[in-house]
């Protein structure tokens, strides 16, 4: 059987072991809490970035549409100028032939 001295020693060892287990669980809980806060902060930032990206993408698409419409207008104008330049080149060639 266990005498009173050994029983007291076992109780002391169990108390110390319980304290150490609680202390370690407290430390682990502290780090888990910090990790959860960091994860929540990152999630919030990612959500803000997604909103910002969506608005930026909409802006880029609008600018692209404006550029496409302007490019069509500029192409039309350039083609008109090209035709006029070609007509003038032809007229100049004809005038040069008549001048000789």
Protein backbone atom coordinates (compact mmCIF):
# COMPACT_ATOMS: atom_id res chain seq x y z
CA UNK A 1 0.00 0.00 0.00
CA UNK A 2 0.92 3.63 -0.34
CA UNK A 3 1.76 5.44 2.86
CA UNK A 4 0.80 9.08 3.61
CA UNK A 5 4.18 10.54 2.52
CA UNK A 6 4.01 8.89 -0.89
CA UNK A 7 0.38 9.92 -1.30
CA UNK A 8 1.31 13.52 -0.54
CA UNK A 9 4.17 13.34 -3.11
CA UNK A 10 1.84 11.89 -5.77
CA UNK A 11 -0.69 14.66 -5.12
CA UNK A 12 2.06 17.26 -5.44
CA UNK A 13 3.33 15.75 -8.70
CA UNK A 14 -0.21 15.60 -10.10
CA UNK A 15 -0.79 19.24 -9.10
CA UNK A 16 2.43 20.32 -10.82
CA UNK A 17 1.62 18.25 -13.92
CA UNK A 18 -1.90 19.74 -14.03
CA UNK A 19 -0.52 23.26 -13.71
CA UNK A 20 2.01 22.65 -16.50
CA UNK A 21 -0.69 21.19 -18.76
CA UNK A 22 -2.95 24.19 -18.13
CA UNK A 23 -0.04 26.58 -18.71
CA UNK A 24 0.87 24.93 -22.01
CA UNK A 25 -2.77 24.91 -23.10
CA UNK A 26 -2.92 28.62 -22.29
CA UNK A 27 0.13 29.30 -24.45
CA UNK A 28 -1.31 27.22 -27.29
CA UNK A 29 -4.64 29.03 -26.95
CA UNK A 30 -2.86 32.39 -27.07
CA UNK A 31 -1.09 31.51 -30.33
CA UNK A 32 -4.24 30.06 -31.84
CA UNK A 33 -6.06 33.28 -30.97
CA UNK A 34 -3.32 35.35 -32.66
CA UNK A 35 -3.49 33.08 -35.71
CA UNK A 36 -7.28 33.48 -35.90
CA UNK A 37 -6.98 37.28 -35.68
CA UNK A 38 -4.35 37.31 -38.42
CA UNK A 39 -6.49 35.05 -40.60
CA UNK A 40 -9.52 37.30 -40.05
CA UNK A 41 -7.47 40.37 -40.98
CA UNK A 42 -6.19 38.66 -44.13
CA UNK A 43 -9.72 37.60 -45.07
CA UNK A 44 -10.93 41.19 -44.70
CA UNK A 45 -8.09 42.50 -46.84
CA UNK A 46 -8.77 39.87 -49.51
CA UNK A 47 -12.45 40.84 -49.61
CA UNK A 48 -11.51 44.51 -50.02
CA UNK A 49 -9.09 43.58 -52.81
CA UNK A 50 -11.80 41.57 -54.56
CA UNK A 51 -14.15 44.57 -54.46
CA UNK A 52 -11.40 46.89 -55.66
CA UNK A 53 -10.43 44.46 -58.43
CA UNK A 54 -14.04 44.18 -59.61
CA UNK A 55 -14.45 47.97 -59.75
CA UNK A 56 -11.12 48.35 -61.53
CA UNK A 57 -12.05 45.65 -64.02
CA UNK A 58 -15.32 47.47 -64.75
CA UNK A 59 -13.39 50.71 -65.28
CA UNK A 60 -10.94 48.99 -67.60
CA UNK A 61 -13.78 47.48 -69.64
CA UNK A 62 -15.40 50.92 -69.95
CA UNK A 63 -12.12 52.46 -71.11
CA UNK A 64 -11.66 49.61 -73.61
CA UNK A 65 -15.14 50.24 -75.06
CA UNK A 66 -14.35 53.95 -75.40
CA UNK A 67 -11.03 53.14 -77.08
CA UNK A 68 -12.71 50.72 -79.48
CA UNK A 69 -15.28 53.34 -80.50
CA UNK A 70 -12.60 56.00 -80.90
CA UNK A 71 -10.34 53.64 -82.85
CA UNK A 72 -13.19 52.94 -85.26
CA UNK A 73 -13.71 56.69 -85.72
CA UNK A 74 -9.96 57.30 -86.22
CA UNK A 75 -9.72 54.40 -88.66
CA UNK A 76 -12.60 55.87 -90.66
CA UNK A 77 -10.93 59.29 -90.70
CA UNK A 78 -7.54 57.83 -91.66
CA UNK A 79 -9.09 55.82 -94.47
CA UNK A 80 -10.77 58.99 -95.73
CA UNK A 81 -7.48 60.89 -95.62
CA UNK A 82 -5.72 58.01 -97.34
CA UNK A 83 -8.24 58.10 -100.17
CA UNK A 84 -7.81 61.87 -100.53
CA UNK A 85 -4.00 61.55 -100.52
CA UNK A 86 -4.24 58.80 -103.15
CA UNK A 87 -6.50 61.01 -105.28
CA UNK A 88 -4.08 63.94 -104.94
CA UNK A 89 -1.12 61.71 -105.81
CA UNK A 90 -2.94 60.57 -108.93
CA UNK A 91 -3.80 64.17 -109.86
CA UNK A 92 -0.17 65.24 -109.33
CA UNK A 93 1.04 62.37 -111.52
CA UNK A 94 -1.40 63.40 -114.26
CA UNK A 95 -0.32 67.05 -114.01
CA UNK A 96 3.35 66.04 -114.21
CA UNK A 97 2.65 64.05 -117.38
CA UNK A 98 0.78 66.96 -118.98
CA UNK A 99 3.53 69.36 -117.98
CA UNK A 100 6.23 67.38 -119.77
